[in-house]
Amino acid sequence: MTPEAKTKAAESAPVDQGRDHNLELMLDVPLNFSAELGGCSLTVGEILQLSRGKVIELDKLAGEPLDLTVNGRLIAHGEAVVVNERFGVRILDIASPSERLARMRG
């Protein structure tokens, strides 16, 4: 390794180690994960007229991937599955780990 390369490596090492340490501190922080089936806009009047058995049409087509979010930030798309009589989500595509961190930061 050239002296210049060693200097650059030494200069960046504390920053990278600091980032890794900060990330390690955050790994156990709980976040809110959601799988969004779809949505729509309703007026106050429509909300007040809702009753048992009423069907509300959502903006996504049947079979269209679900939006998977962490703290309201989109990180992936998936499809609904059933696992032991509970709903689950199979991930179809997902942002890279660095993109996910950036999106969660805002």
PDB file of N, CA and C in Angstrom:
ATOM      1  N   MET A   1       0.852  -1.174   0.000  1.00  0.00           N
ATOM      2  CA  MET A   1       0.000   0.000   0.000  1.00  0.00           C
ATOM      3  C   MET A   1       0.899   1.238   0.000  1.00  0.00           C
ATOM      4  N   THR A   2       0.578   2.186  -0.820  1.00  0.00           N
ATOM      5  CA  THR A   2       1.376   3.413  -0.911  1.00  0.00           C
ATOM      6  C   THR A   2       1.138   4.276   0.323  1.00  0.00           C
ATOM      7  N   PRO A   3       2.087   5.154   0.655  1.00  0.00           N
ATOM      8  CA  PRO A   3       1.888   6.048   1.810  1.00  0.00           C
ATOM      9  C   PRO A   3       0.626   6.888   1.685  1.00  0.00           C
ATOM     10  N   GLU A   4       0.321   7.328   0.459  1.00  0.00           N
ATOM     11  CA  GLU A   4      -0.886   8.137   0.240  1.00  0.00           C
ATOM     12  C   GLU A   4      -2.140   7.316   0.538  1.00  0.00           C
ATOM     13  N   ALA A   5      -2.154   6.060   0.085  1.00  0.00           N
ATOM     14  CA  ALA A   5      -3.305   5.193   0.321  1.00  0.00           C
ATOM     15  C   ALA A   5      -3.474   4.916   1.811  1.00  0.00           C
ATOM     16  N   LYS A   6      -2.353   4.715   2.535  1.00  0.00           N
ATOM     17  CA  LYS A   6      -2.421   4.482   3.976  1.00  0.00           C
ATOM     18  C   LYS A   6      -2.995   5.696   4.695  1.00  0.00           C
ATOM     19  N   THR A   7      -2.601   6.886   4.256  1.00  0.00           N
ATOM     20  CA  THR A   7      -3.110   8.113   4.865  1.00  0.00           C
ATOM     21  C   THR A   7      -4.612   8.233   4.657  1.00  0.00           C
ATOM     22  N   LYS A   8      -5.072   7.962   3.427  1.00  0.00           N
ATOM     23  CA  LYS A   8      -6.511   8.043   3.136  1.00  0.00           C
ATOM     24  C   LYS A   8      -7.281   7.020   3.960  1.00  0.00           C
ATOM     25  N   ALA A   9      -6.746   5.798   4.072  1.00  0.00           N
ATOM     26  CA  ALA A   9      -7.413   4.756   4.853  1.00  0.00           C
ATOM     27  C   ALA A   9      -7.492   5.153   6.321  1.00  0.00           C
ATOM     28  N   ALA A  10      -6.414   5.705   6.849  1.00  0.00           N
ATOM     29  CA  ALA A  10      -6.389   6.121   8.256  1.00  0.00           C
ATOM     30  C   ALA A  10      -7.365   7.258   8.514  1.00  0.00           C
ATOM     31  N   GLU A  11      -7.486   8.185   7.557  1.00  0.00           N
ATOM     32  CA  GLU A  11      -8.399   9.320   7.727  1.00  0.00           C
ATOM     33  C   GLU A  11      -9.852   8.874   7.723  1.00  0.00           C
ATOM     34  N   SER A  12     -10.175   7.878   6.905  1.00  0.00           N
ATOM     35  CA  SER A  12     -11.570   7.448   6.799  1.00  0.00           C
ATOM     36  C   SER A  12     -11.942   6.414   7.846  1.00  0.00           C
ATOM     37  N   ALA A  13     -10.993   5.733   8.454  1.00  0.00           N
ATOM     38  CA  ALA A  13     -11.285   4.670   9.413  1.00  0.00           C
ATOM     39  C   ALA A  13     -12.111   5.147  10.601  1.00  0.00           C
ATOM     40  N   PRO A  14     -11.745   6.236  11.298  1.00  0.00           N
ATOM     41  CA  PRO A  14     -12.557   6.651  12.441  1.00  0.00           C
ATOM     42  C   PRO A  14     -13.983   7.012  12.058  1.00  0.00           C
ATOM     43  N   VAL A  15     -14.164   7.611  10.910  1.00  0.00           N
ATOM     44  CA  VAL A  15     -15.511   7.971  10.459  1.00  0.00           C
ATOM     45  C   VAL A  15     -16.325   6.710  10.228  1.00  0.00           C
ATOM     46  N   ASP A  16     -15.746   5.736   9.506  1.00  0.00           N
ATOM     47  CA  ASP A  16     -16.456   4.492   9.232  1.00  0.00           C
ATOM     48  C   ASP A  16     -16.737   3.737  10.525  1.00  0.00           C
ATOM     49  N   GLN A  17     -15.762   3.689  11.435  1.00  0.00           N
ATOM     50  CA  GLN A  17     -15.963   3.008  12.705  1.00  0.00           C
ATOM     51  C   GLN A  17     -17.042   3.712  13.517  1.00  0.00           C
ATOM     52  N   GLY A  18     -17.059   5.033  13.461  1.00  0.00           N
ATOM     53  CA  GLY A  18     -18.096   5.785  14.156  1.00  0.00           C
ATOM     54  C   GLY A  18     -19.474   5.490  13.605  1.00  0.00           C
ATOM     55  N   ARG A  19     -19.577   5.414  12.285  1.00  0.00           N
ATOM     56  CA  ARG A  19     -20.866   5.087  11.657  1.00  0.00           C
ATOM     57  C   ARG A  19     -21.305   3.690  12.050  1.00  0.00           C
ATOM     58  N   ASP A  20     -20.362   2.720  12.000  1.00  0.00           N
ATOM     59  CA  ASP A  20     -20.692   1.345  12.367  1.00  0.00           C
ATOM     60  C   ASP A  20     -21.154   1.278  13.816  1.00  0.00           C
ATOM     61  N   HIS A  21     -20.482   2.009  14.703  1.00  0.00           N
ATOM     62  CA  HIS A  21     -20.855   2.016  16.119  1.00  0.00           C
ATOM     63  C   HIS A  21     -22.254   2.614  16.293  1.00  0.00           C
ATOM     64  N   ASN A  22     -22.528   3.727  15.618  1.00  0.00           N
ATOM     65  CA  ASN A  22     -23.857   4.344  15.699  1.00  0.00           C
ATOM     66  C   ASN A  22     -24.930   3.409  15.175  1.00  0.00           C
ATOM     67  N   LEU A  23     -24.638   2.706  14.078  1.00  0.00           N
ATOM     68  CA  LEU A  23     -25.601   1.767  13.516  1.00  0.00           C
ATOM     69  C   LEU A  23     -25.851   0.628  14.494  1.00  0.00           C
ATOM     70  N   GLU A  24     -24.798   0.116  15.124  1.00  0.00           N
ATOM     71  CA  GLU A  24     -24.958  -0.954  16.109  1.00  0.00           C
ATOM     72  C   GLU A  24     -25.866  -0.513  17.249  1.00  0.00           C
ATOM     73  N   LEU A  25     -25.756   0.726  17.670  1.00  0.00           N
ATOM     74  CA  LEU A  25     -26.600   1.238  18.746  1.00  0.00           C
ATOM     75  C   LEU A  25     -28.070   1.276  18.341  1.00  0.00           C
ATOM     76  N   MET A  26     -28.335   1.433  17.056  1.00  0.00           N
ATOM     77  CA  MET A  26     -29.708   1.567  16.559  1.00  0.00           C
ATOM     78  C   MET A  26     -30.357   0.238  16.200  1.00  0.00           C
ATOM     79  N   LEU A  27     -29.596  -0.849  16.109  1.00  0.00           N
ATOM     80  CA  LEU A  27     -30.124  -2.108  15.592  1.00  0.00           C
ATOM     81  C   LEU A  27     -31.302  -2.664  16.387  1.00  0.00           C
ATOM     82  N   ASP A  28     -31.417  -2.364  17.661  1.00  0.00           N
ATOM     83  CA  ASP A  28     -32.508  -2.882  18.485  1.00  0.00           C
ATOM     84  C   ASP A  28     -33.637  -1.882  18.705  1.00  0.00           C
ATOM     85  N   VAL A  29     -33.609  -0.759  17.995  1.00  0.00           N
ATOM     86  CA  VAL A  29     -34.671   0.247  18.125  1.00  0.00           C
ATOM     87  C   VAL A  29     -35.920  -0.258  17.401  1.00  0.00           C
ATOM     88  N   PRO A  30     -37.058  -0.356  18.104  1.00  0.00           N
ATOM     89  CA  PRO A  30     -38.283  -0.824  17.449  1.00  0.00           C
ATOM     90  C   PRO A  30     -38.853   0.235  16.498  1.00  0.00           C
ATOM     91  N   LEU A  31     -39.319  -0.219  15.337  1.00  0.00           N
ATOM     92  CA  LEU A  31     -39.932   0.651  14.333  1.00  0.00           C
ATOM     93  C   LEU A  31     -41.289   0.069  13.950  1.00  0.00           C
ATOM     94  N   ASN A  32     -42.152   0.883  13.371  1.00  0.00           N
ATOM     95  CA  ASN A  32     -43.469   0.427  12.928  1.00  0.00           C
ATOM     96  C   ASN A  32     -43.410  -0.028  11.481  1.00  0.00           C
ATOM     97  N   PHE A  33     -43.666  -1.316  11.247  1.00  0.00           N
ATOM     98  CA  PHE A  33     -43.706  -1.893   9.909  1.00  0.00           C
ATOM     99  C   PHE A  33     -45.165  -2.059   9.521  1.00  0.00           C
ATOM    100  N   SER A  34     -45.517  -1.665   8.289  1.00  0.00           N
ATOM    101  CA  SER A  34     -46.888  -1.799   7.800  1.00  0.00           C
ATOM    102  C   SER A  34     -46.900  -2.324   6.381  1.00  0.00           C
ATOM    103  N   ALA A  35     -47.942  -3.078   6.068  1.00  0.00           N
ATOM    104  CA  ALA A  35     -48.203  -3.525   4.706  1.00  0.00           C
ATOM    105  C   ALA A  35     -49.524  -2.885   4.296  1.00  0.00           C
ATOM    106  N   GLU A  36     -49.473  -2.006   3.301  1.00  0.00           N
ATOM    107  CA  GLU A  36     -50.661  -1.245   2.911  1.00  0.00           C
ATOM    108  C   GLU A  36     -51.376  -1.928   1.759  1.00  0.00           C
ATOM    109  N   LEU A  37     -52.611  -2.321   2.012  1.00  0.00           N
ATOM    110  CA  LEU A  37     -53.444  -2.973   1.015  1.00  0.00           C
ATOM    111  C   LEU A  37     -53.950  -1.977  -0.017  1.00  0.00           C
ATOM    112  N   GLY A  38     -54.224  -0.780   0.395  1.00  0.00           N
ATOM    113  CA  GLY A  38     -54.732   0.253  -0.505  1.00  0.00           C
ATOM    114  C   GLY A  38     -55.366   1.357   0.309  1.00  0.00           C
ATOM    115  N   GLY A  39     -55.914   2.321  -0.356  1.00  0.00           N
ATOM    116  CA  GLY A  39     -56.545   3.435   0.335  1.00  0.00           C
ATOM    117  C   GLY A  39     -57.554   4.123  -0.560  1.00  0.00           C
ATOM    118  N   CYS A  40     -58.226   5.098  -0.008  1.00  0.00           N
ATOM    119  CA  CYS A  40     -59.173   5.909  -0.771  1.00  0.00           C
ATOM    120  C   CYS A  40     -59.495   7.153   0.046  1.00  0.00           C
ATOM    121  N   SER A  41     -60.142   8.092  -0.583  1.00  0.00           N
ATOM    122  CA  SER A  41     -60.586   9.303   0.106  1.00  0.00           C
ATOM    123  C   SER A  41     -62.084   9.216   0.333  1.00  0.00           C
ATOM    124  N   LEU A  42     -62.497   9.539   1.536  1.00  0.00           N
ATOM    125  CA  LEU A  42     -63.917   9.572   1.868  1.00  0.00           C
ATOM    126  C   LEU A  42     -64.232  10.922   2.499  1.00  0.00           C
ATOM    127  N   THR A  43     -65.427  11.408   2.229  1.00  0.00           N
ATOM    128  CA  THR A  43     -65.870  12.645   2.868  1.00  0.00           C
ATOM    129  C   THR A  43     -66.320  12.337   4.294  1.00  0.00           C
ATOM    130  N   VAL A  44     -66.487  13.364   5.086  1.00  0.00           N
ATOM    131  CA  VAL A  44     -66.999  13.184   6.444  1.00  0.00           C
ATOM    132  C   VAL A  44     -68.369  12.517   6.383  1.00  0.00           C
ATOM    133  N   GLY A  45     -69.195  12.949   5.440  1.00  0.00           N
ATOM    134  CA  GLY A  45     -70.525  12.351   5.285  1.00  0.00           C
ATOM    135  C   GLY A  45     -70.451  10.865   4.976  1.00  0.00           C
ATOM    136  N   GLU A  46     -69.532  10.476   4.091  1.00  0.00           N
ATOM    137  CA  GLU A  46     -69.377   9.057   3.748  1.00  0.00           C
ATOM    138  C   GLU A  46     -68.889   8.247   4.952  1.00  0.00           C
ATOM    139  N   ILE A  47     -67.993   8.823   5.741  1.00  0.00           N
ATOM    140  CA  ILE A  47     -67.510   8.152   6.954  1.00  0.00           C
ATOM    141  C   ILE A  47     -68.669   7.926   7.923  1.00  0.00           C
ATOM    142  N   LEU A  48     -69.524   8.938   8.082  1.00  0.00           N
ATOM    143  CA  LEU A  48     -70.657   8.826   9.002  1.00  0.00           C
ATOM    144  C   LEU A  48     -71.701   7.827   8.521  1.00  0.00           C
ATOM    145  N   GLN A  49     -71.760   7.563   7.214  1.00  0.00           N
ATOM    146  CA  GLN A  49     -72.728   6.618   6.663  1.00  0.00           C
ATOM    147  C   GLN A  49     -72.216   5.177   6.649  1.00  0.00           C
ATOM    148  N   LEU A  50     -70.965   4.946   7.057  1.00  0.00           N
ATOM    149  CA  LEU A  50     -70.429   3.586   7.068  1.00  0.00           C
ATOM    150  C   LEU A  50     -71.203   2.723   8.052  1.00  0.00           C
ATOM    151  N   SER A  51     -71.431   1.477   7.657  1.00  0.00           N
ATOM    152  CA  SER A  51     -72.126   0.538   8.530  1.00  0.00           C
ATOM    153  C   SER A  51     -71.577  -0.864   8.282  1.00  0.00           C
ATOM    154  N   ARG A  52     -71.915  -1.755   9.177  1.00  0.00           N
ATOM    155  CA  ARG A  52     -71.459  -3.139   9.059  1.00  0.00           C
ATOM    156  C   ARG A  52     -71.895  -3.724   7.718  1.00  0.00           C
ATOM    157  N   GLY A  53     -70.957  -4.383   7.030  1.00  0.00           N
ATOM    158  CA  GLY A  53     -71.245  -4.996   5.739  1.00  0.00           C
ATOM    159  C   GLY A  53     -70.957  -4.101   4.545  1.00  0.00           C
ATOM    160  N   LYS A  54     -70.767  -2.823   4.777  1.00  0.00           N
ATOM    161  CA  LYS A  54     -70.464  -1.873   3.696  1.00  0.00           C
ATOM    162  C   LYS A  54     -69.104  -2.215   3.105  1.00  0.00           C
ATOM    163  N   VAL A  55     -68.989  -2.197   1.788  1.00  0.00           N
ATOM    164  CA  VAL A  55     -67.729  -2.464   1.097  1.00  0.00           C
ATOM    165  C   VAL A  55     -67.146  -1.135   0.631  1.00  0.00           C
ATOM    166  N   ILE A  56     -65.887  -0.919   0.943  1.00  0.00           N
ATOM    167  CA  ILE A  56     -65.184   0.294   0.531  1.00  0.00           C
ATOM    168  C   ILE A  56     -64.178  -0.101  -0.537  1.00  0.00           C
ATOM    169  N   GLU A  57     -64.312   0.496  -1.716  1.00  0.00           N
ATOM    170  CA  GLU A  57     -63.401   0.193  -2.823  1.00  0.00           C
ATOM    171  C   GLU A  57     -62.088   0.943  -2.623  1.00  0.00           C
ATOM    172  N   LEU A  58     -60.973   0.207  -2.726  1.00  0.00           N
ATOM    173  CA  LEU A  58     -59.647   0.796  -2.548  1.00  0.00           C
ATOM    174  C   LEU A  58     -59.011   1.100  -3.893  1.00  0.00           C
ATOM    175  N   ASP A  59     -57.921   1.860  -3.871  1.00  0.00           N
ATOM    176  CA  ASP A  59     -57.290   2.327  -5.106  1.00  0.00           C
ATOM    177  C   ASP A  59     -56.328   1.329  -5.751  1.00  0.00           C
ATOM    178  N   LYS A  60     -56.113   0.168  -5.149  1.00  0.00           N
ATOM    179  CA  LYS A  60     -55.209  -0.828  -5.742  1.00  0.00           C
ATOM    180  C   LYS A  60     -56.018  -1.942  -6.380  1.00  0.00           C
ATOM    181  N   LEU A  61     -55.466  -2.484  -7.465  1.00  0.00           N
ATOM    182  CA  LEU A  61     -56.098  -3.608  -8.140  1.00  0.00           C
ATOM    183  C   LEU A  61     -55.784  -4.902  -7.402  1.00  0.00           C
ATOM    184  N   ALA A  62     -56.681  -5.882  -7.501  1.00  0.00           N
ATOM    185  CA  ALA A  62     -56.423  -7.198  -6.920  1.00  0.00           C
ATOM    186  C   ALA A  62     -55.158  -7.766  -7.553  1.00  0.00           C
ATOM    187  N   GLY A  63     -54.271  -8.300  -6.750  1.00  0.00           N
ATOM    188  CA  GLY A  63     -53.023  -8.864  -7.249  1.00  0.00           C
ATOM    189  C   GLY A  63     -51.884  -7.871  -7.361  1.00  0.00           C
ATOM    190  N   GLU A  64     -52.176  -6.587  -7.207  1.00  0.00           N
ATOM    191  CA  GLU A  64     -51.127  -5.564  -7.256  1.00  0.00           C
ATOM    192  C   GLU A  64     -50.298  -5.641  -5.968  1.00  0.00           C
ATOM    193  N   PRO A  65     -48.974  -5.459  -6.059  1.00  0.00           N
ATOM    194  CA  PRO A  65     -48.130  -5.559  -4.858  1.00  0.00           C
ATOM    195  C   PRO A  65     -48.527  -4.563  -3.772  1.00  0.00           C
ATOM    196  N   LEU A  66     -48.344  -4.991  -2.523  1.00  0.00           N
ATOM    197  CA  LEU A  66     -48.601  -4.138  -1.374  1.00  0.00           C
ATOM    198  C   LEU A  66     -47.402  -3.233  -1.137  1.00  0.00           C
ATOM    199  N   ASP A  67     -47.636  -2.040  -0.629  1.00  0.00           N
ATOM    200  CA  ASP A  67     -46.545  -1.150  -0.222  1.00  0.00           C
ATOM    201  C   ASP A  67     -46.131  -1.548   1.189  1.00  0.00           C
ATOM    202  N   LEU A  68     -44.840  -1.804   1.388  1.00  0.00           N
ATOM    203  CA  LEU A  68     -44.309  -2.156   2.701  1.00  0.00           C
ATOM    204  C   LEU A  68     -43.548  -0.947   3.220  1.00  0.00           C
ATOM    205  N   THR A  69     -43.965  -0.454   4.372  1.00  0.00           N
ATOM    206  CA  THR A  69     -43.386   0.778   4.901  1.00  0.00           C
ATOM    207  C   THR A  69     -42.829   0.568   6.303  1.00  0.00           C
ATOM    208  N   VAL A  70     -41.837   1.381   6.647  1.00  0.00           N
ATOM    209  CA  VAL A  70     -41.296   1.454   8.002  1.00  0.00           C
ATOM    210  C   VAL A  70     -41.441   2.902   8.443  1.00  0.00           C
ATOM    211  N   ASN A  71     -42.179   3.090   9.527  1.00  0.00           N
ATOM    212  CA  ASN A  71     -42.471   4.443  10.027  1.00  0.00           C
ATOM    213  C   ASN A  71     -43.001   5.348   8.919  1.00  0.00           C
ATOM    214  N   GLY A  72     -43.842   4.792   8.053  1.00  0.00           N
ATOM    215  CA  GLY A  72     -44.470   5.560   6.987  1.00  0.00           C
ATOM    216  C   GLY A  72     -43.626   5.760   5.747  1.00  0.00           C
ATOM    217  N   ARG A  73     -42.421   5.206   5.696  1.00  0.00           N
ATOM    218  CA  ARG A  73     -41.514   5.367   4.547  1.00  0.00           C
ATOM    219  C   ARG A  73     -41.476   4.072   3.744  1.00  0.00           C
ATOM    220  N   LEU A  74     -41.737   4.161   2.453  1.00  0.00           N
ATOM    221  CA  LEU A  74     -41.744   2.993   1.573  1.00  0.00           C
ATOM    222  C   LEU A  74     -40.349   2.382   1.483  1.00  0.00           C
ATOM    223  N   ILE A  75     -40.241   1.064   1.784  1.00  0.00           N
ATOM    224  CA  ILE A  75     -38.950   0.380   1.662  1.00  0.00           C
ATOM    225  C   ILE A  75     -39.008  -0.833   0.741  1.00  0.00           C
ATOM    226  N   ALA A  76     -40.234  -1.324   0.444  1.00  0.00           N
ATOM    227  CA  ALA A  76     -40.336  -2.551  -0.350  1.00  0.00           C
ATOM    228  C   ALA A  76     -41.754  -2.720  -0.879  1.00  0.00           C
ATOM    229  N   HIS A  77     -41.909  -3.732  -1.734  1.00  0.00           N
ATOM    230  CA  HIS A  77     -43.223  -4.165  -2.208  1.00  0.00           C
ATOM    231  C   HIS A  77     -43.335  -5.658  -1.939  1.00  0.00           C
ATOM    232  N   GLY A  78     -44.549  -6.121  -1.664  1.00  0.00           N
ATOM    233  CA  GLY A  78     -44.733  -7.533  -1.363  1.00  0.00           C
ATOM    234  C   GLY A  78     -46.126  -7.995  -1.708  1.00  0.00           C
ATOM    235  N   GLU A  79     -46.369  -9.283  -1.402  1.00  0.00           N
ATOM    236  CA  GLU A  79     -47.693  -9.854  -1.634  1.00  0.00           C
ATOM    237  C   GLU A  79     -48.176 -10.519  -0.354  1.00  0.00           C
ATOM    238  N   ALA A  80     -49.477 -10.488  -0.153  1.00  0.00           N
ATOM    239  CA  ALA A  80     -50.063 -11.080   1.043  1.00  0.00           C
ATOM    240  C   ALA A  80     -50.018 -12.599   0.941  1.00  0.00           C
ATOM    241  N   VAL A  81     -49.698 -13.243   2.064  1.00  0.00           N
ATOM    242  CA  VAL A  81     -49.695 -14.703   2.169  1.00  0.00           C
ATOM    243  C   VAL A  81     -50.359 -15.065   3.494  1.00  0.00           C
ATOM    244  N   VAL A  82     -50.716 -16.337   3.638  1.00  0.00           N
ATOM    245  CA  VAL A  82     -51.264 -16.829   4.896  1.00  0.00           C
ATOM    246  C   VAL A  82     -50.247 -17.789   5.498  1.00  0.00           C
ATOM    247  N   VAL A  83     -49.908 -17.561   6.774  1.00  0.00           N
ATOM    248  CA  VAL A  83     -48.953 -18.398   7.496  1.00  0.00           C
ATOM    249  C   VAL A  83     -49.612 -18.827   8.804  1.00  0.00           C
ATOM    250  N   ASN A  84     -49.919 -20.128   8.912  1.00  0.00           N
ATOM    251  CA  ASN A  84     -50.554 -20.646  10.136  1.00  0.00           C
ATOM    252  C   ASN A  84     -51.776 -19.823  10.544  1.00  0.00           C
ATOM    253  N   GLU A  85     -52.672 -19.606   9.602  1.00  0.00           N
ATOM    254  CA  GLU A  85     -53.929 -18.888   9.811  1.00  0.00           C
ATOM    255  C   GLU A  85     -53.755 -17.397  10.126  1.00  0.00           C
ATOM    256  N   ARG A  86     -52.581 -16.860   9.883  1.00  0.00           N
ATOM    257  CA  ARG A  86     -52.340 -15.423  10.054  1.00  0.00           C
ATOM    258  C   ARG A  86     -51.864 -14.858   8.727  1.00  0.00           C
ATOM    259  N   PHE A  87     -52.113 -13.570   8.530  1.00  0.00           N
ATOM    260  CA  PHE A  87     -51.588 -12.917   7.336  1.00  0.00           C
ATOM    261  C   PHE A  87     -50.095 -12.691   7.496  1.00  0.00           C
ATOM    262  N   GLY A  88     -49.398 -12.758   6.379  1.00  0.00           N
ATOM    263  CA  GLY A  88     -47.978 -12.442   6.320  1.00  0.00           C
ATOM    264  C   GLY A  88     -47.716 -11.730   5.008  1.00  0.00           C
ATOM    265  N   VAL A  89     -46.471 -11.382   4.763  1.00  0.00           N
ATOM    266  CA  VAL A  89     -46.097 -10.688   3.534  1.00  0.00           C
ATOM    267  C   VAL A  89     -44.844 -11.331   2.965  1.00  0.00           C
ATOM    268  N   ARG A  90     -44.890 -11.663   1.689  1.00  0.00           N
ATOM    269  CA  ARG A  90     -43.704 -12.137   0.973  1.00  0.00           C
ATOM    270  C   ARG A  90     -43.120 -10.938   0.240  1.00  0.00           C
ATOM    271  N   ILE A  91     -41.849 -10.650   0.479  1.00  0.00           N
ATOM    272  CA  ILE A  91     -41.194  -9.502  -0.151  1.00  0.00           C
ATOM    273  C   ILE A  91     -40.902  -9.823  -1.609  1.00  0.00           C
ATOM    274  N   LEU A  92     -41.349  -8.957  -2.504  1.00  0.00           N
ATOM    275  CA  LEU A  92     -41.118  -9.120  -3.941  1.00  0.00           C
ATOM    276  C   LEU A  92     -39.918  -8.308  -4.407  1.00  0.00           C
ATOM    277  N   ASP A  93     -39.795  -7.091  -3.921  1.00  0.00           N
ATOM    278  CA  ASP A  93     -38.614  -6.269  -4.200  1.00  0.00           C
ATOM    279  C   ASP A  93     -38.402  -5.344  -3.007  1.00  0.00           C
ATOM    280  N   ILE A  94     -37.128  -5.022  -2.764  1.00  0.00           N
ATOM    281  CA  ILE A  94     -36.795  -4.241  -1.576  1.00  0.00           C
ATOM    282  C   ILE A  94     -35.601  -3.342  -1.873  1.00  0.00           C
ATOM    283  N   ALA A  95     -35.604  -2.176  -1.274  1.00  0.00           N
ATOM    284  CA  ALA A  95     -34.486  -1.237  -1.418  1.00  0.00           C
ATOM    285  C   ALA A  95     -33.248  -1.830  -0.743  1.00  0.00           C
ATOM    286  N   SER A  96     -32.078  -1.397  -1.169  1.00  0.00           N
ATOM    287  CA  SER A  96     -30.830  -1.867  -0.560  1.00  0.00           C
ATOM    288  C   SER A  96     -30.780  -1.406   0.900  1.00  0.00           C
ATOM    289  N   PRO A  97     -29.952  -2.050   1.730  1.00  0.00           N
ATOM    290  CA  PRO A  97     -29.861  -1.616   3.127  1.00  0.00           C
ATOM    291  C   PRO A  97     -29.533  -0.125   3.280  1.00  0.00           C
ATOM    292  N   SER A  98     -28.631   0.404   2.466  1.00  0.00           N
ATOM    293  CA  SER A  98     -28.297   1.830   2.588  1.00  0.00           C
ATOM    294  C   SER A  98     -29.471   2.709   2.165  1.00  0.00           C
ATOM    295  N   GLU A  99     -30.228   2.297   1.133  1.00  0.00           N
ATOM    296  CA  GLU A  99     -31.412   3.062   0.720  1.00  0.00           C
ATOM    297  C   GLU A  99     -32.479   3.014   1.808  1.00  0.00           C
ATOM    298  N   ARG A 100     -32.648   1.852   2.448  1.00  0.00           N
ATOM    299  CA  ARG A 100     -33.635   1.734   3.520  1.00  0.00           C
ATOM    300  C   ARG A 100     -33.296   2.668   4.673  1.00  0.00           C
ATOM    301  N   LEU A 101     -32.029   2.703   5.067  1.00  0.00           N
ATOM    302  CA  LEU A 101     -31.615   3.613   6.142  1.00  0.00           C
ATOM    303  C   LEU A 101     -31.870   5.063   5.763  1.00  0.00           C
ATOM    304  N   ALA A 102     -31.524   5.423   4.534  1.00  0.00           N
ATOM    305  CA  ALA A 102     -31.728   6.803   4.076  1.00  0.00           C
ATOM    306  C   ALA A 102     -33.208   7.162   4.081  1.00  0.00           C
ATOM    307  N   ARG A 103     -34.067   6.255   3.639  1.00  0.00           N
ATOM    308  CA  ARG A 103     -35.506   6.532   3.607  1.00  0.00           C
ATOM    309  C   ARG A 103     -36.077   6.656   5.013  1.00  0.00           C
ATOM    310  N   MET A 104     -35.576   5.849   5.945  1.00  0.00           N
ATOM    311  CA  MET A 104     -36.083   5.916   7.317  1.00  0.00           C
ATOM    312  C   MET A 104     -35.676   7.216   8.000  1.00  0.00           C
ATOM    313  N   ARG A 105     -34.542   7.768   7.594  1.00  0.00           N
ATOM    314  CA  ARG A 105     -34.088   9.040   8.166  1.00  0.00           C
ATOM    315  C   ARG A 105     -34.914  10.212   7.658  1.00  0.00           C
ATOM    316  N   GLY A 106     -35.504  10.032   6.480  1.00  0.00           N
ATOM    317  CA  GLY A 106     -36.335  11.103   5.940  1.00  0.00           C
ATOM    318  C   GLY A 106     -35.605  11.844   4.950  1.00  0.00           C
TER     319      GLY A 106
END
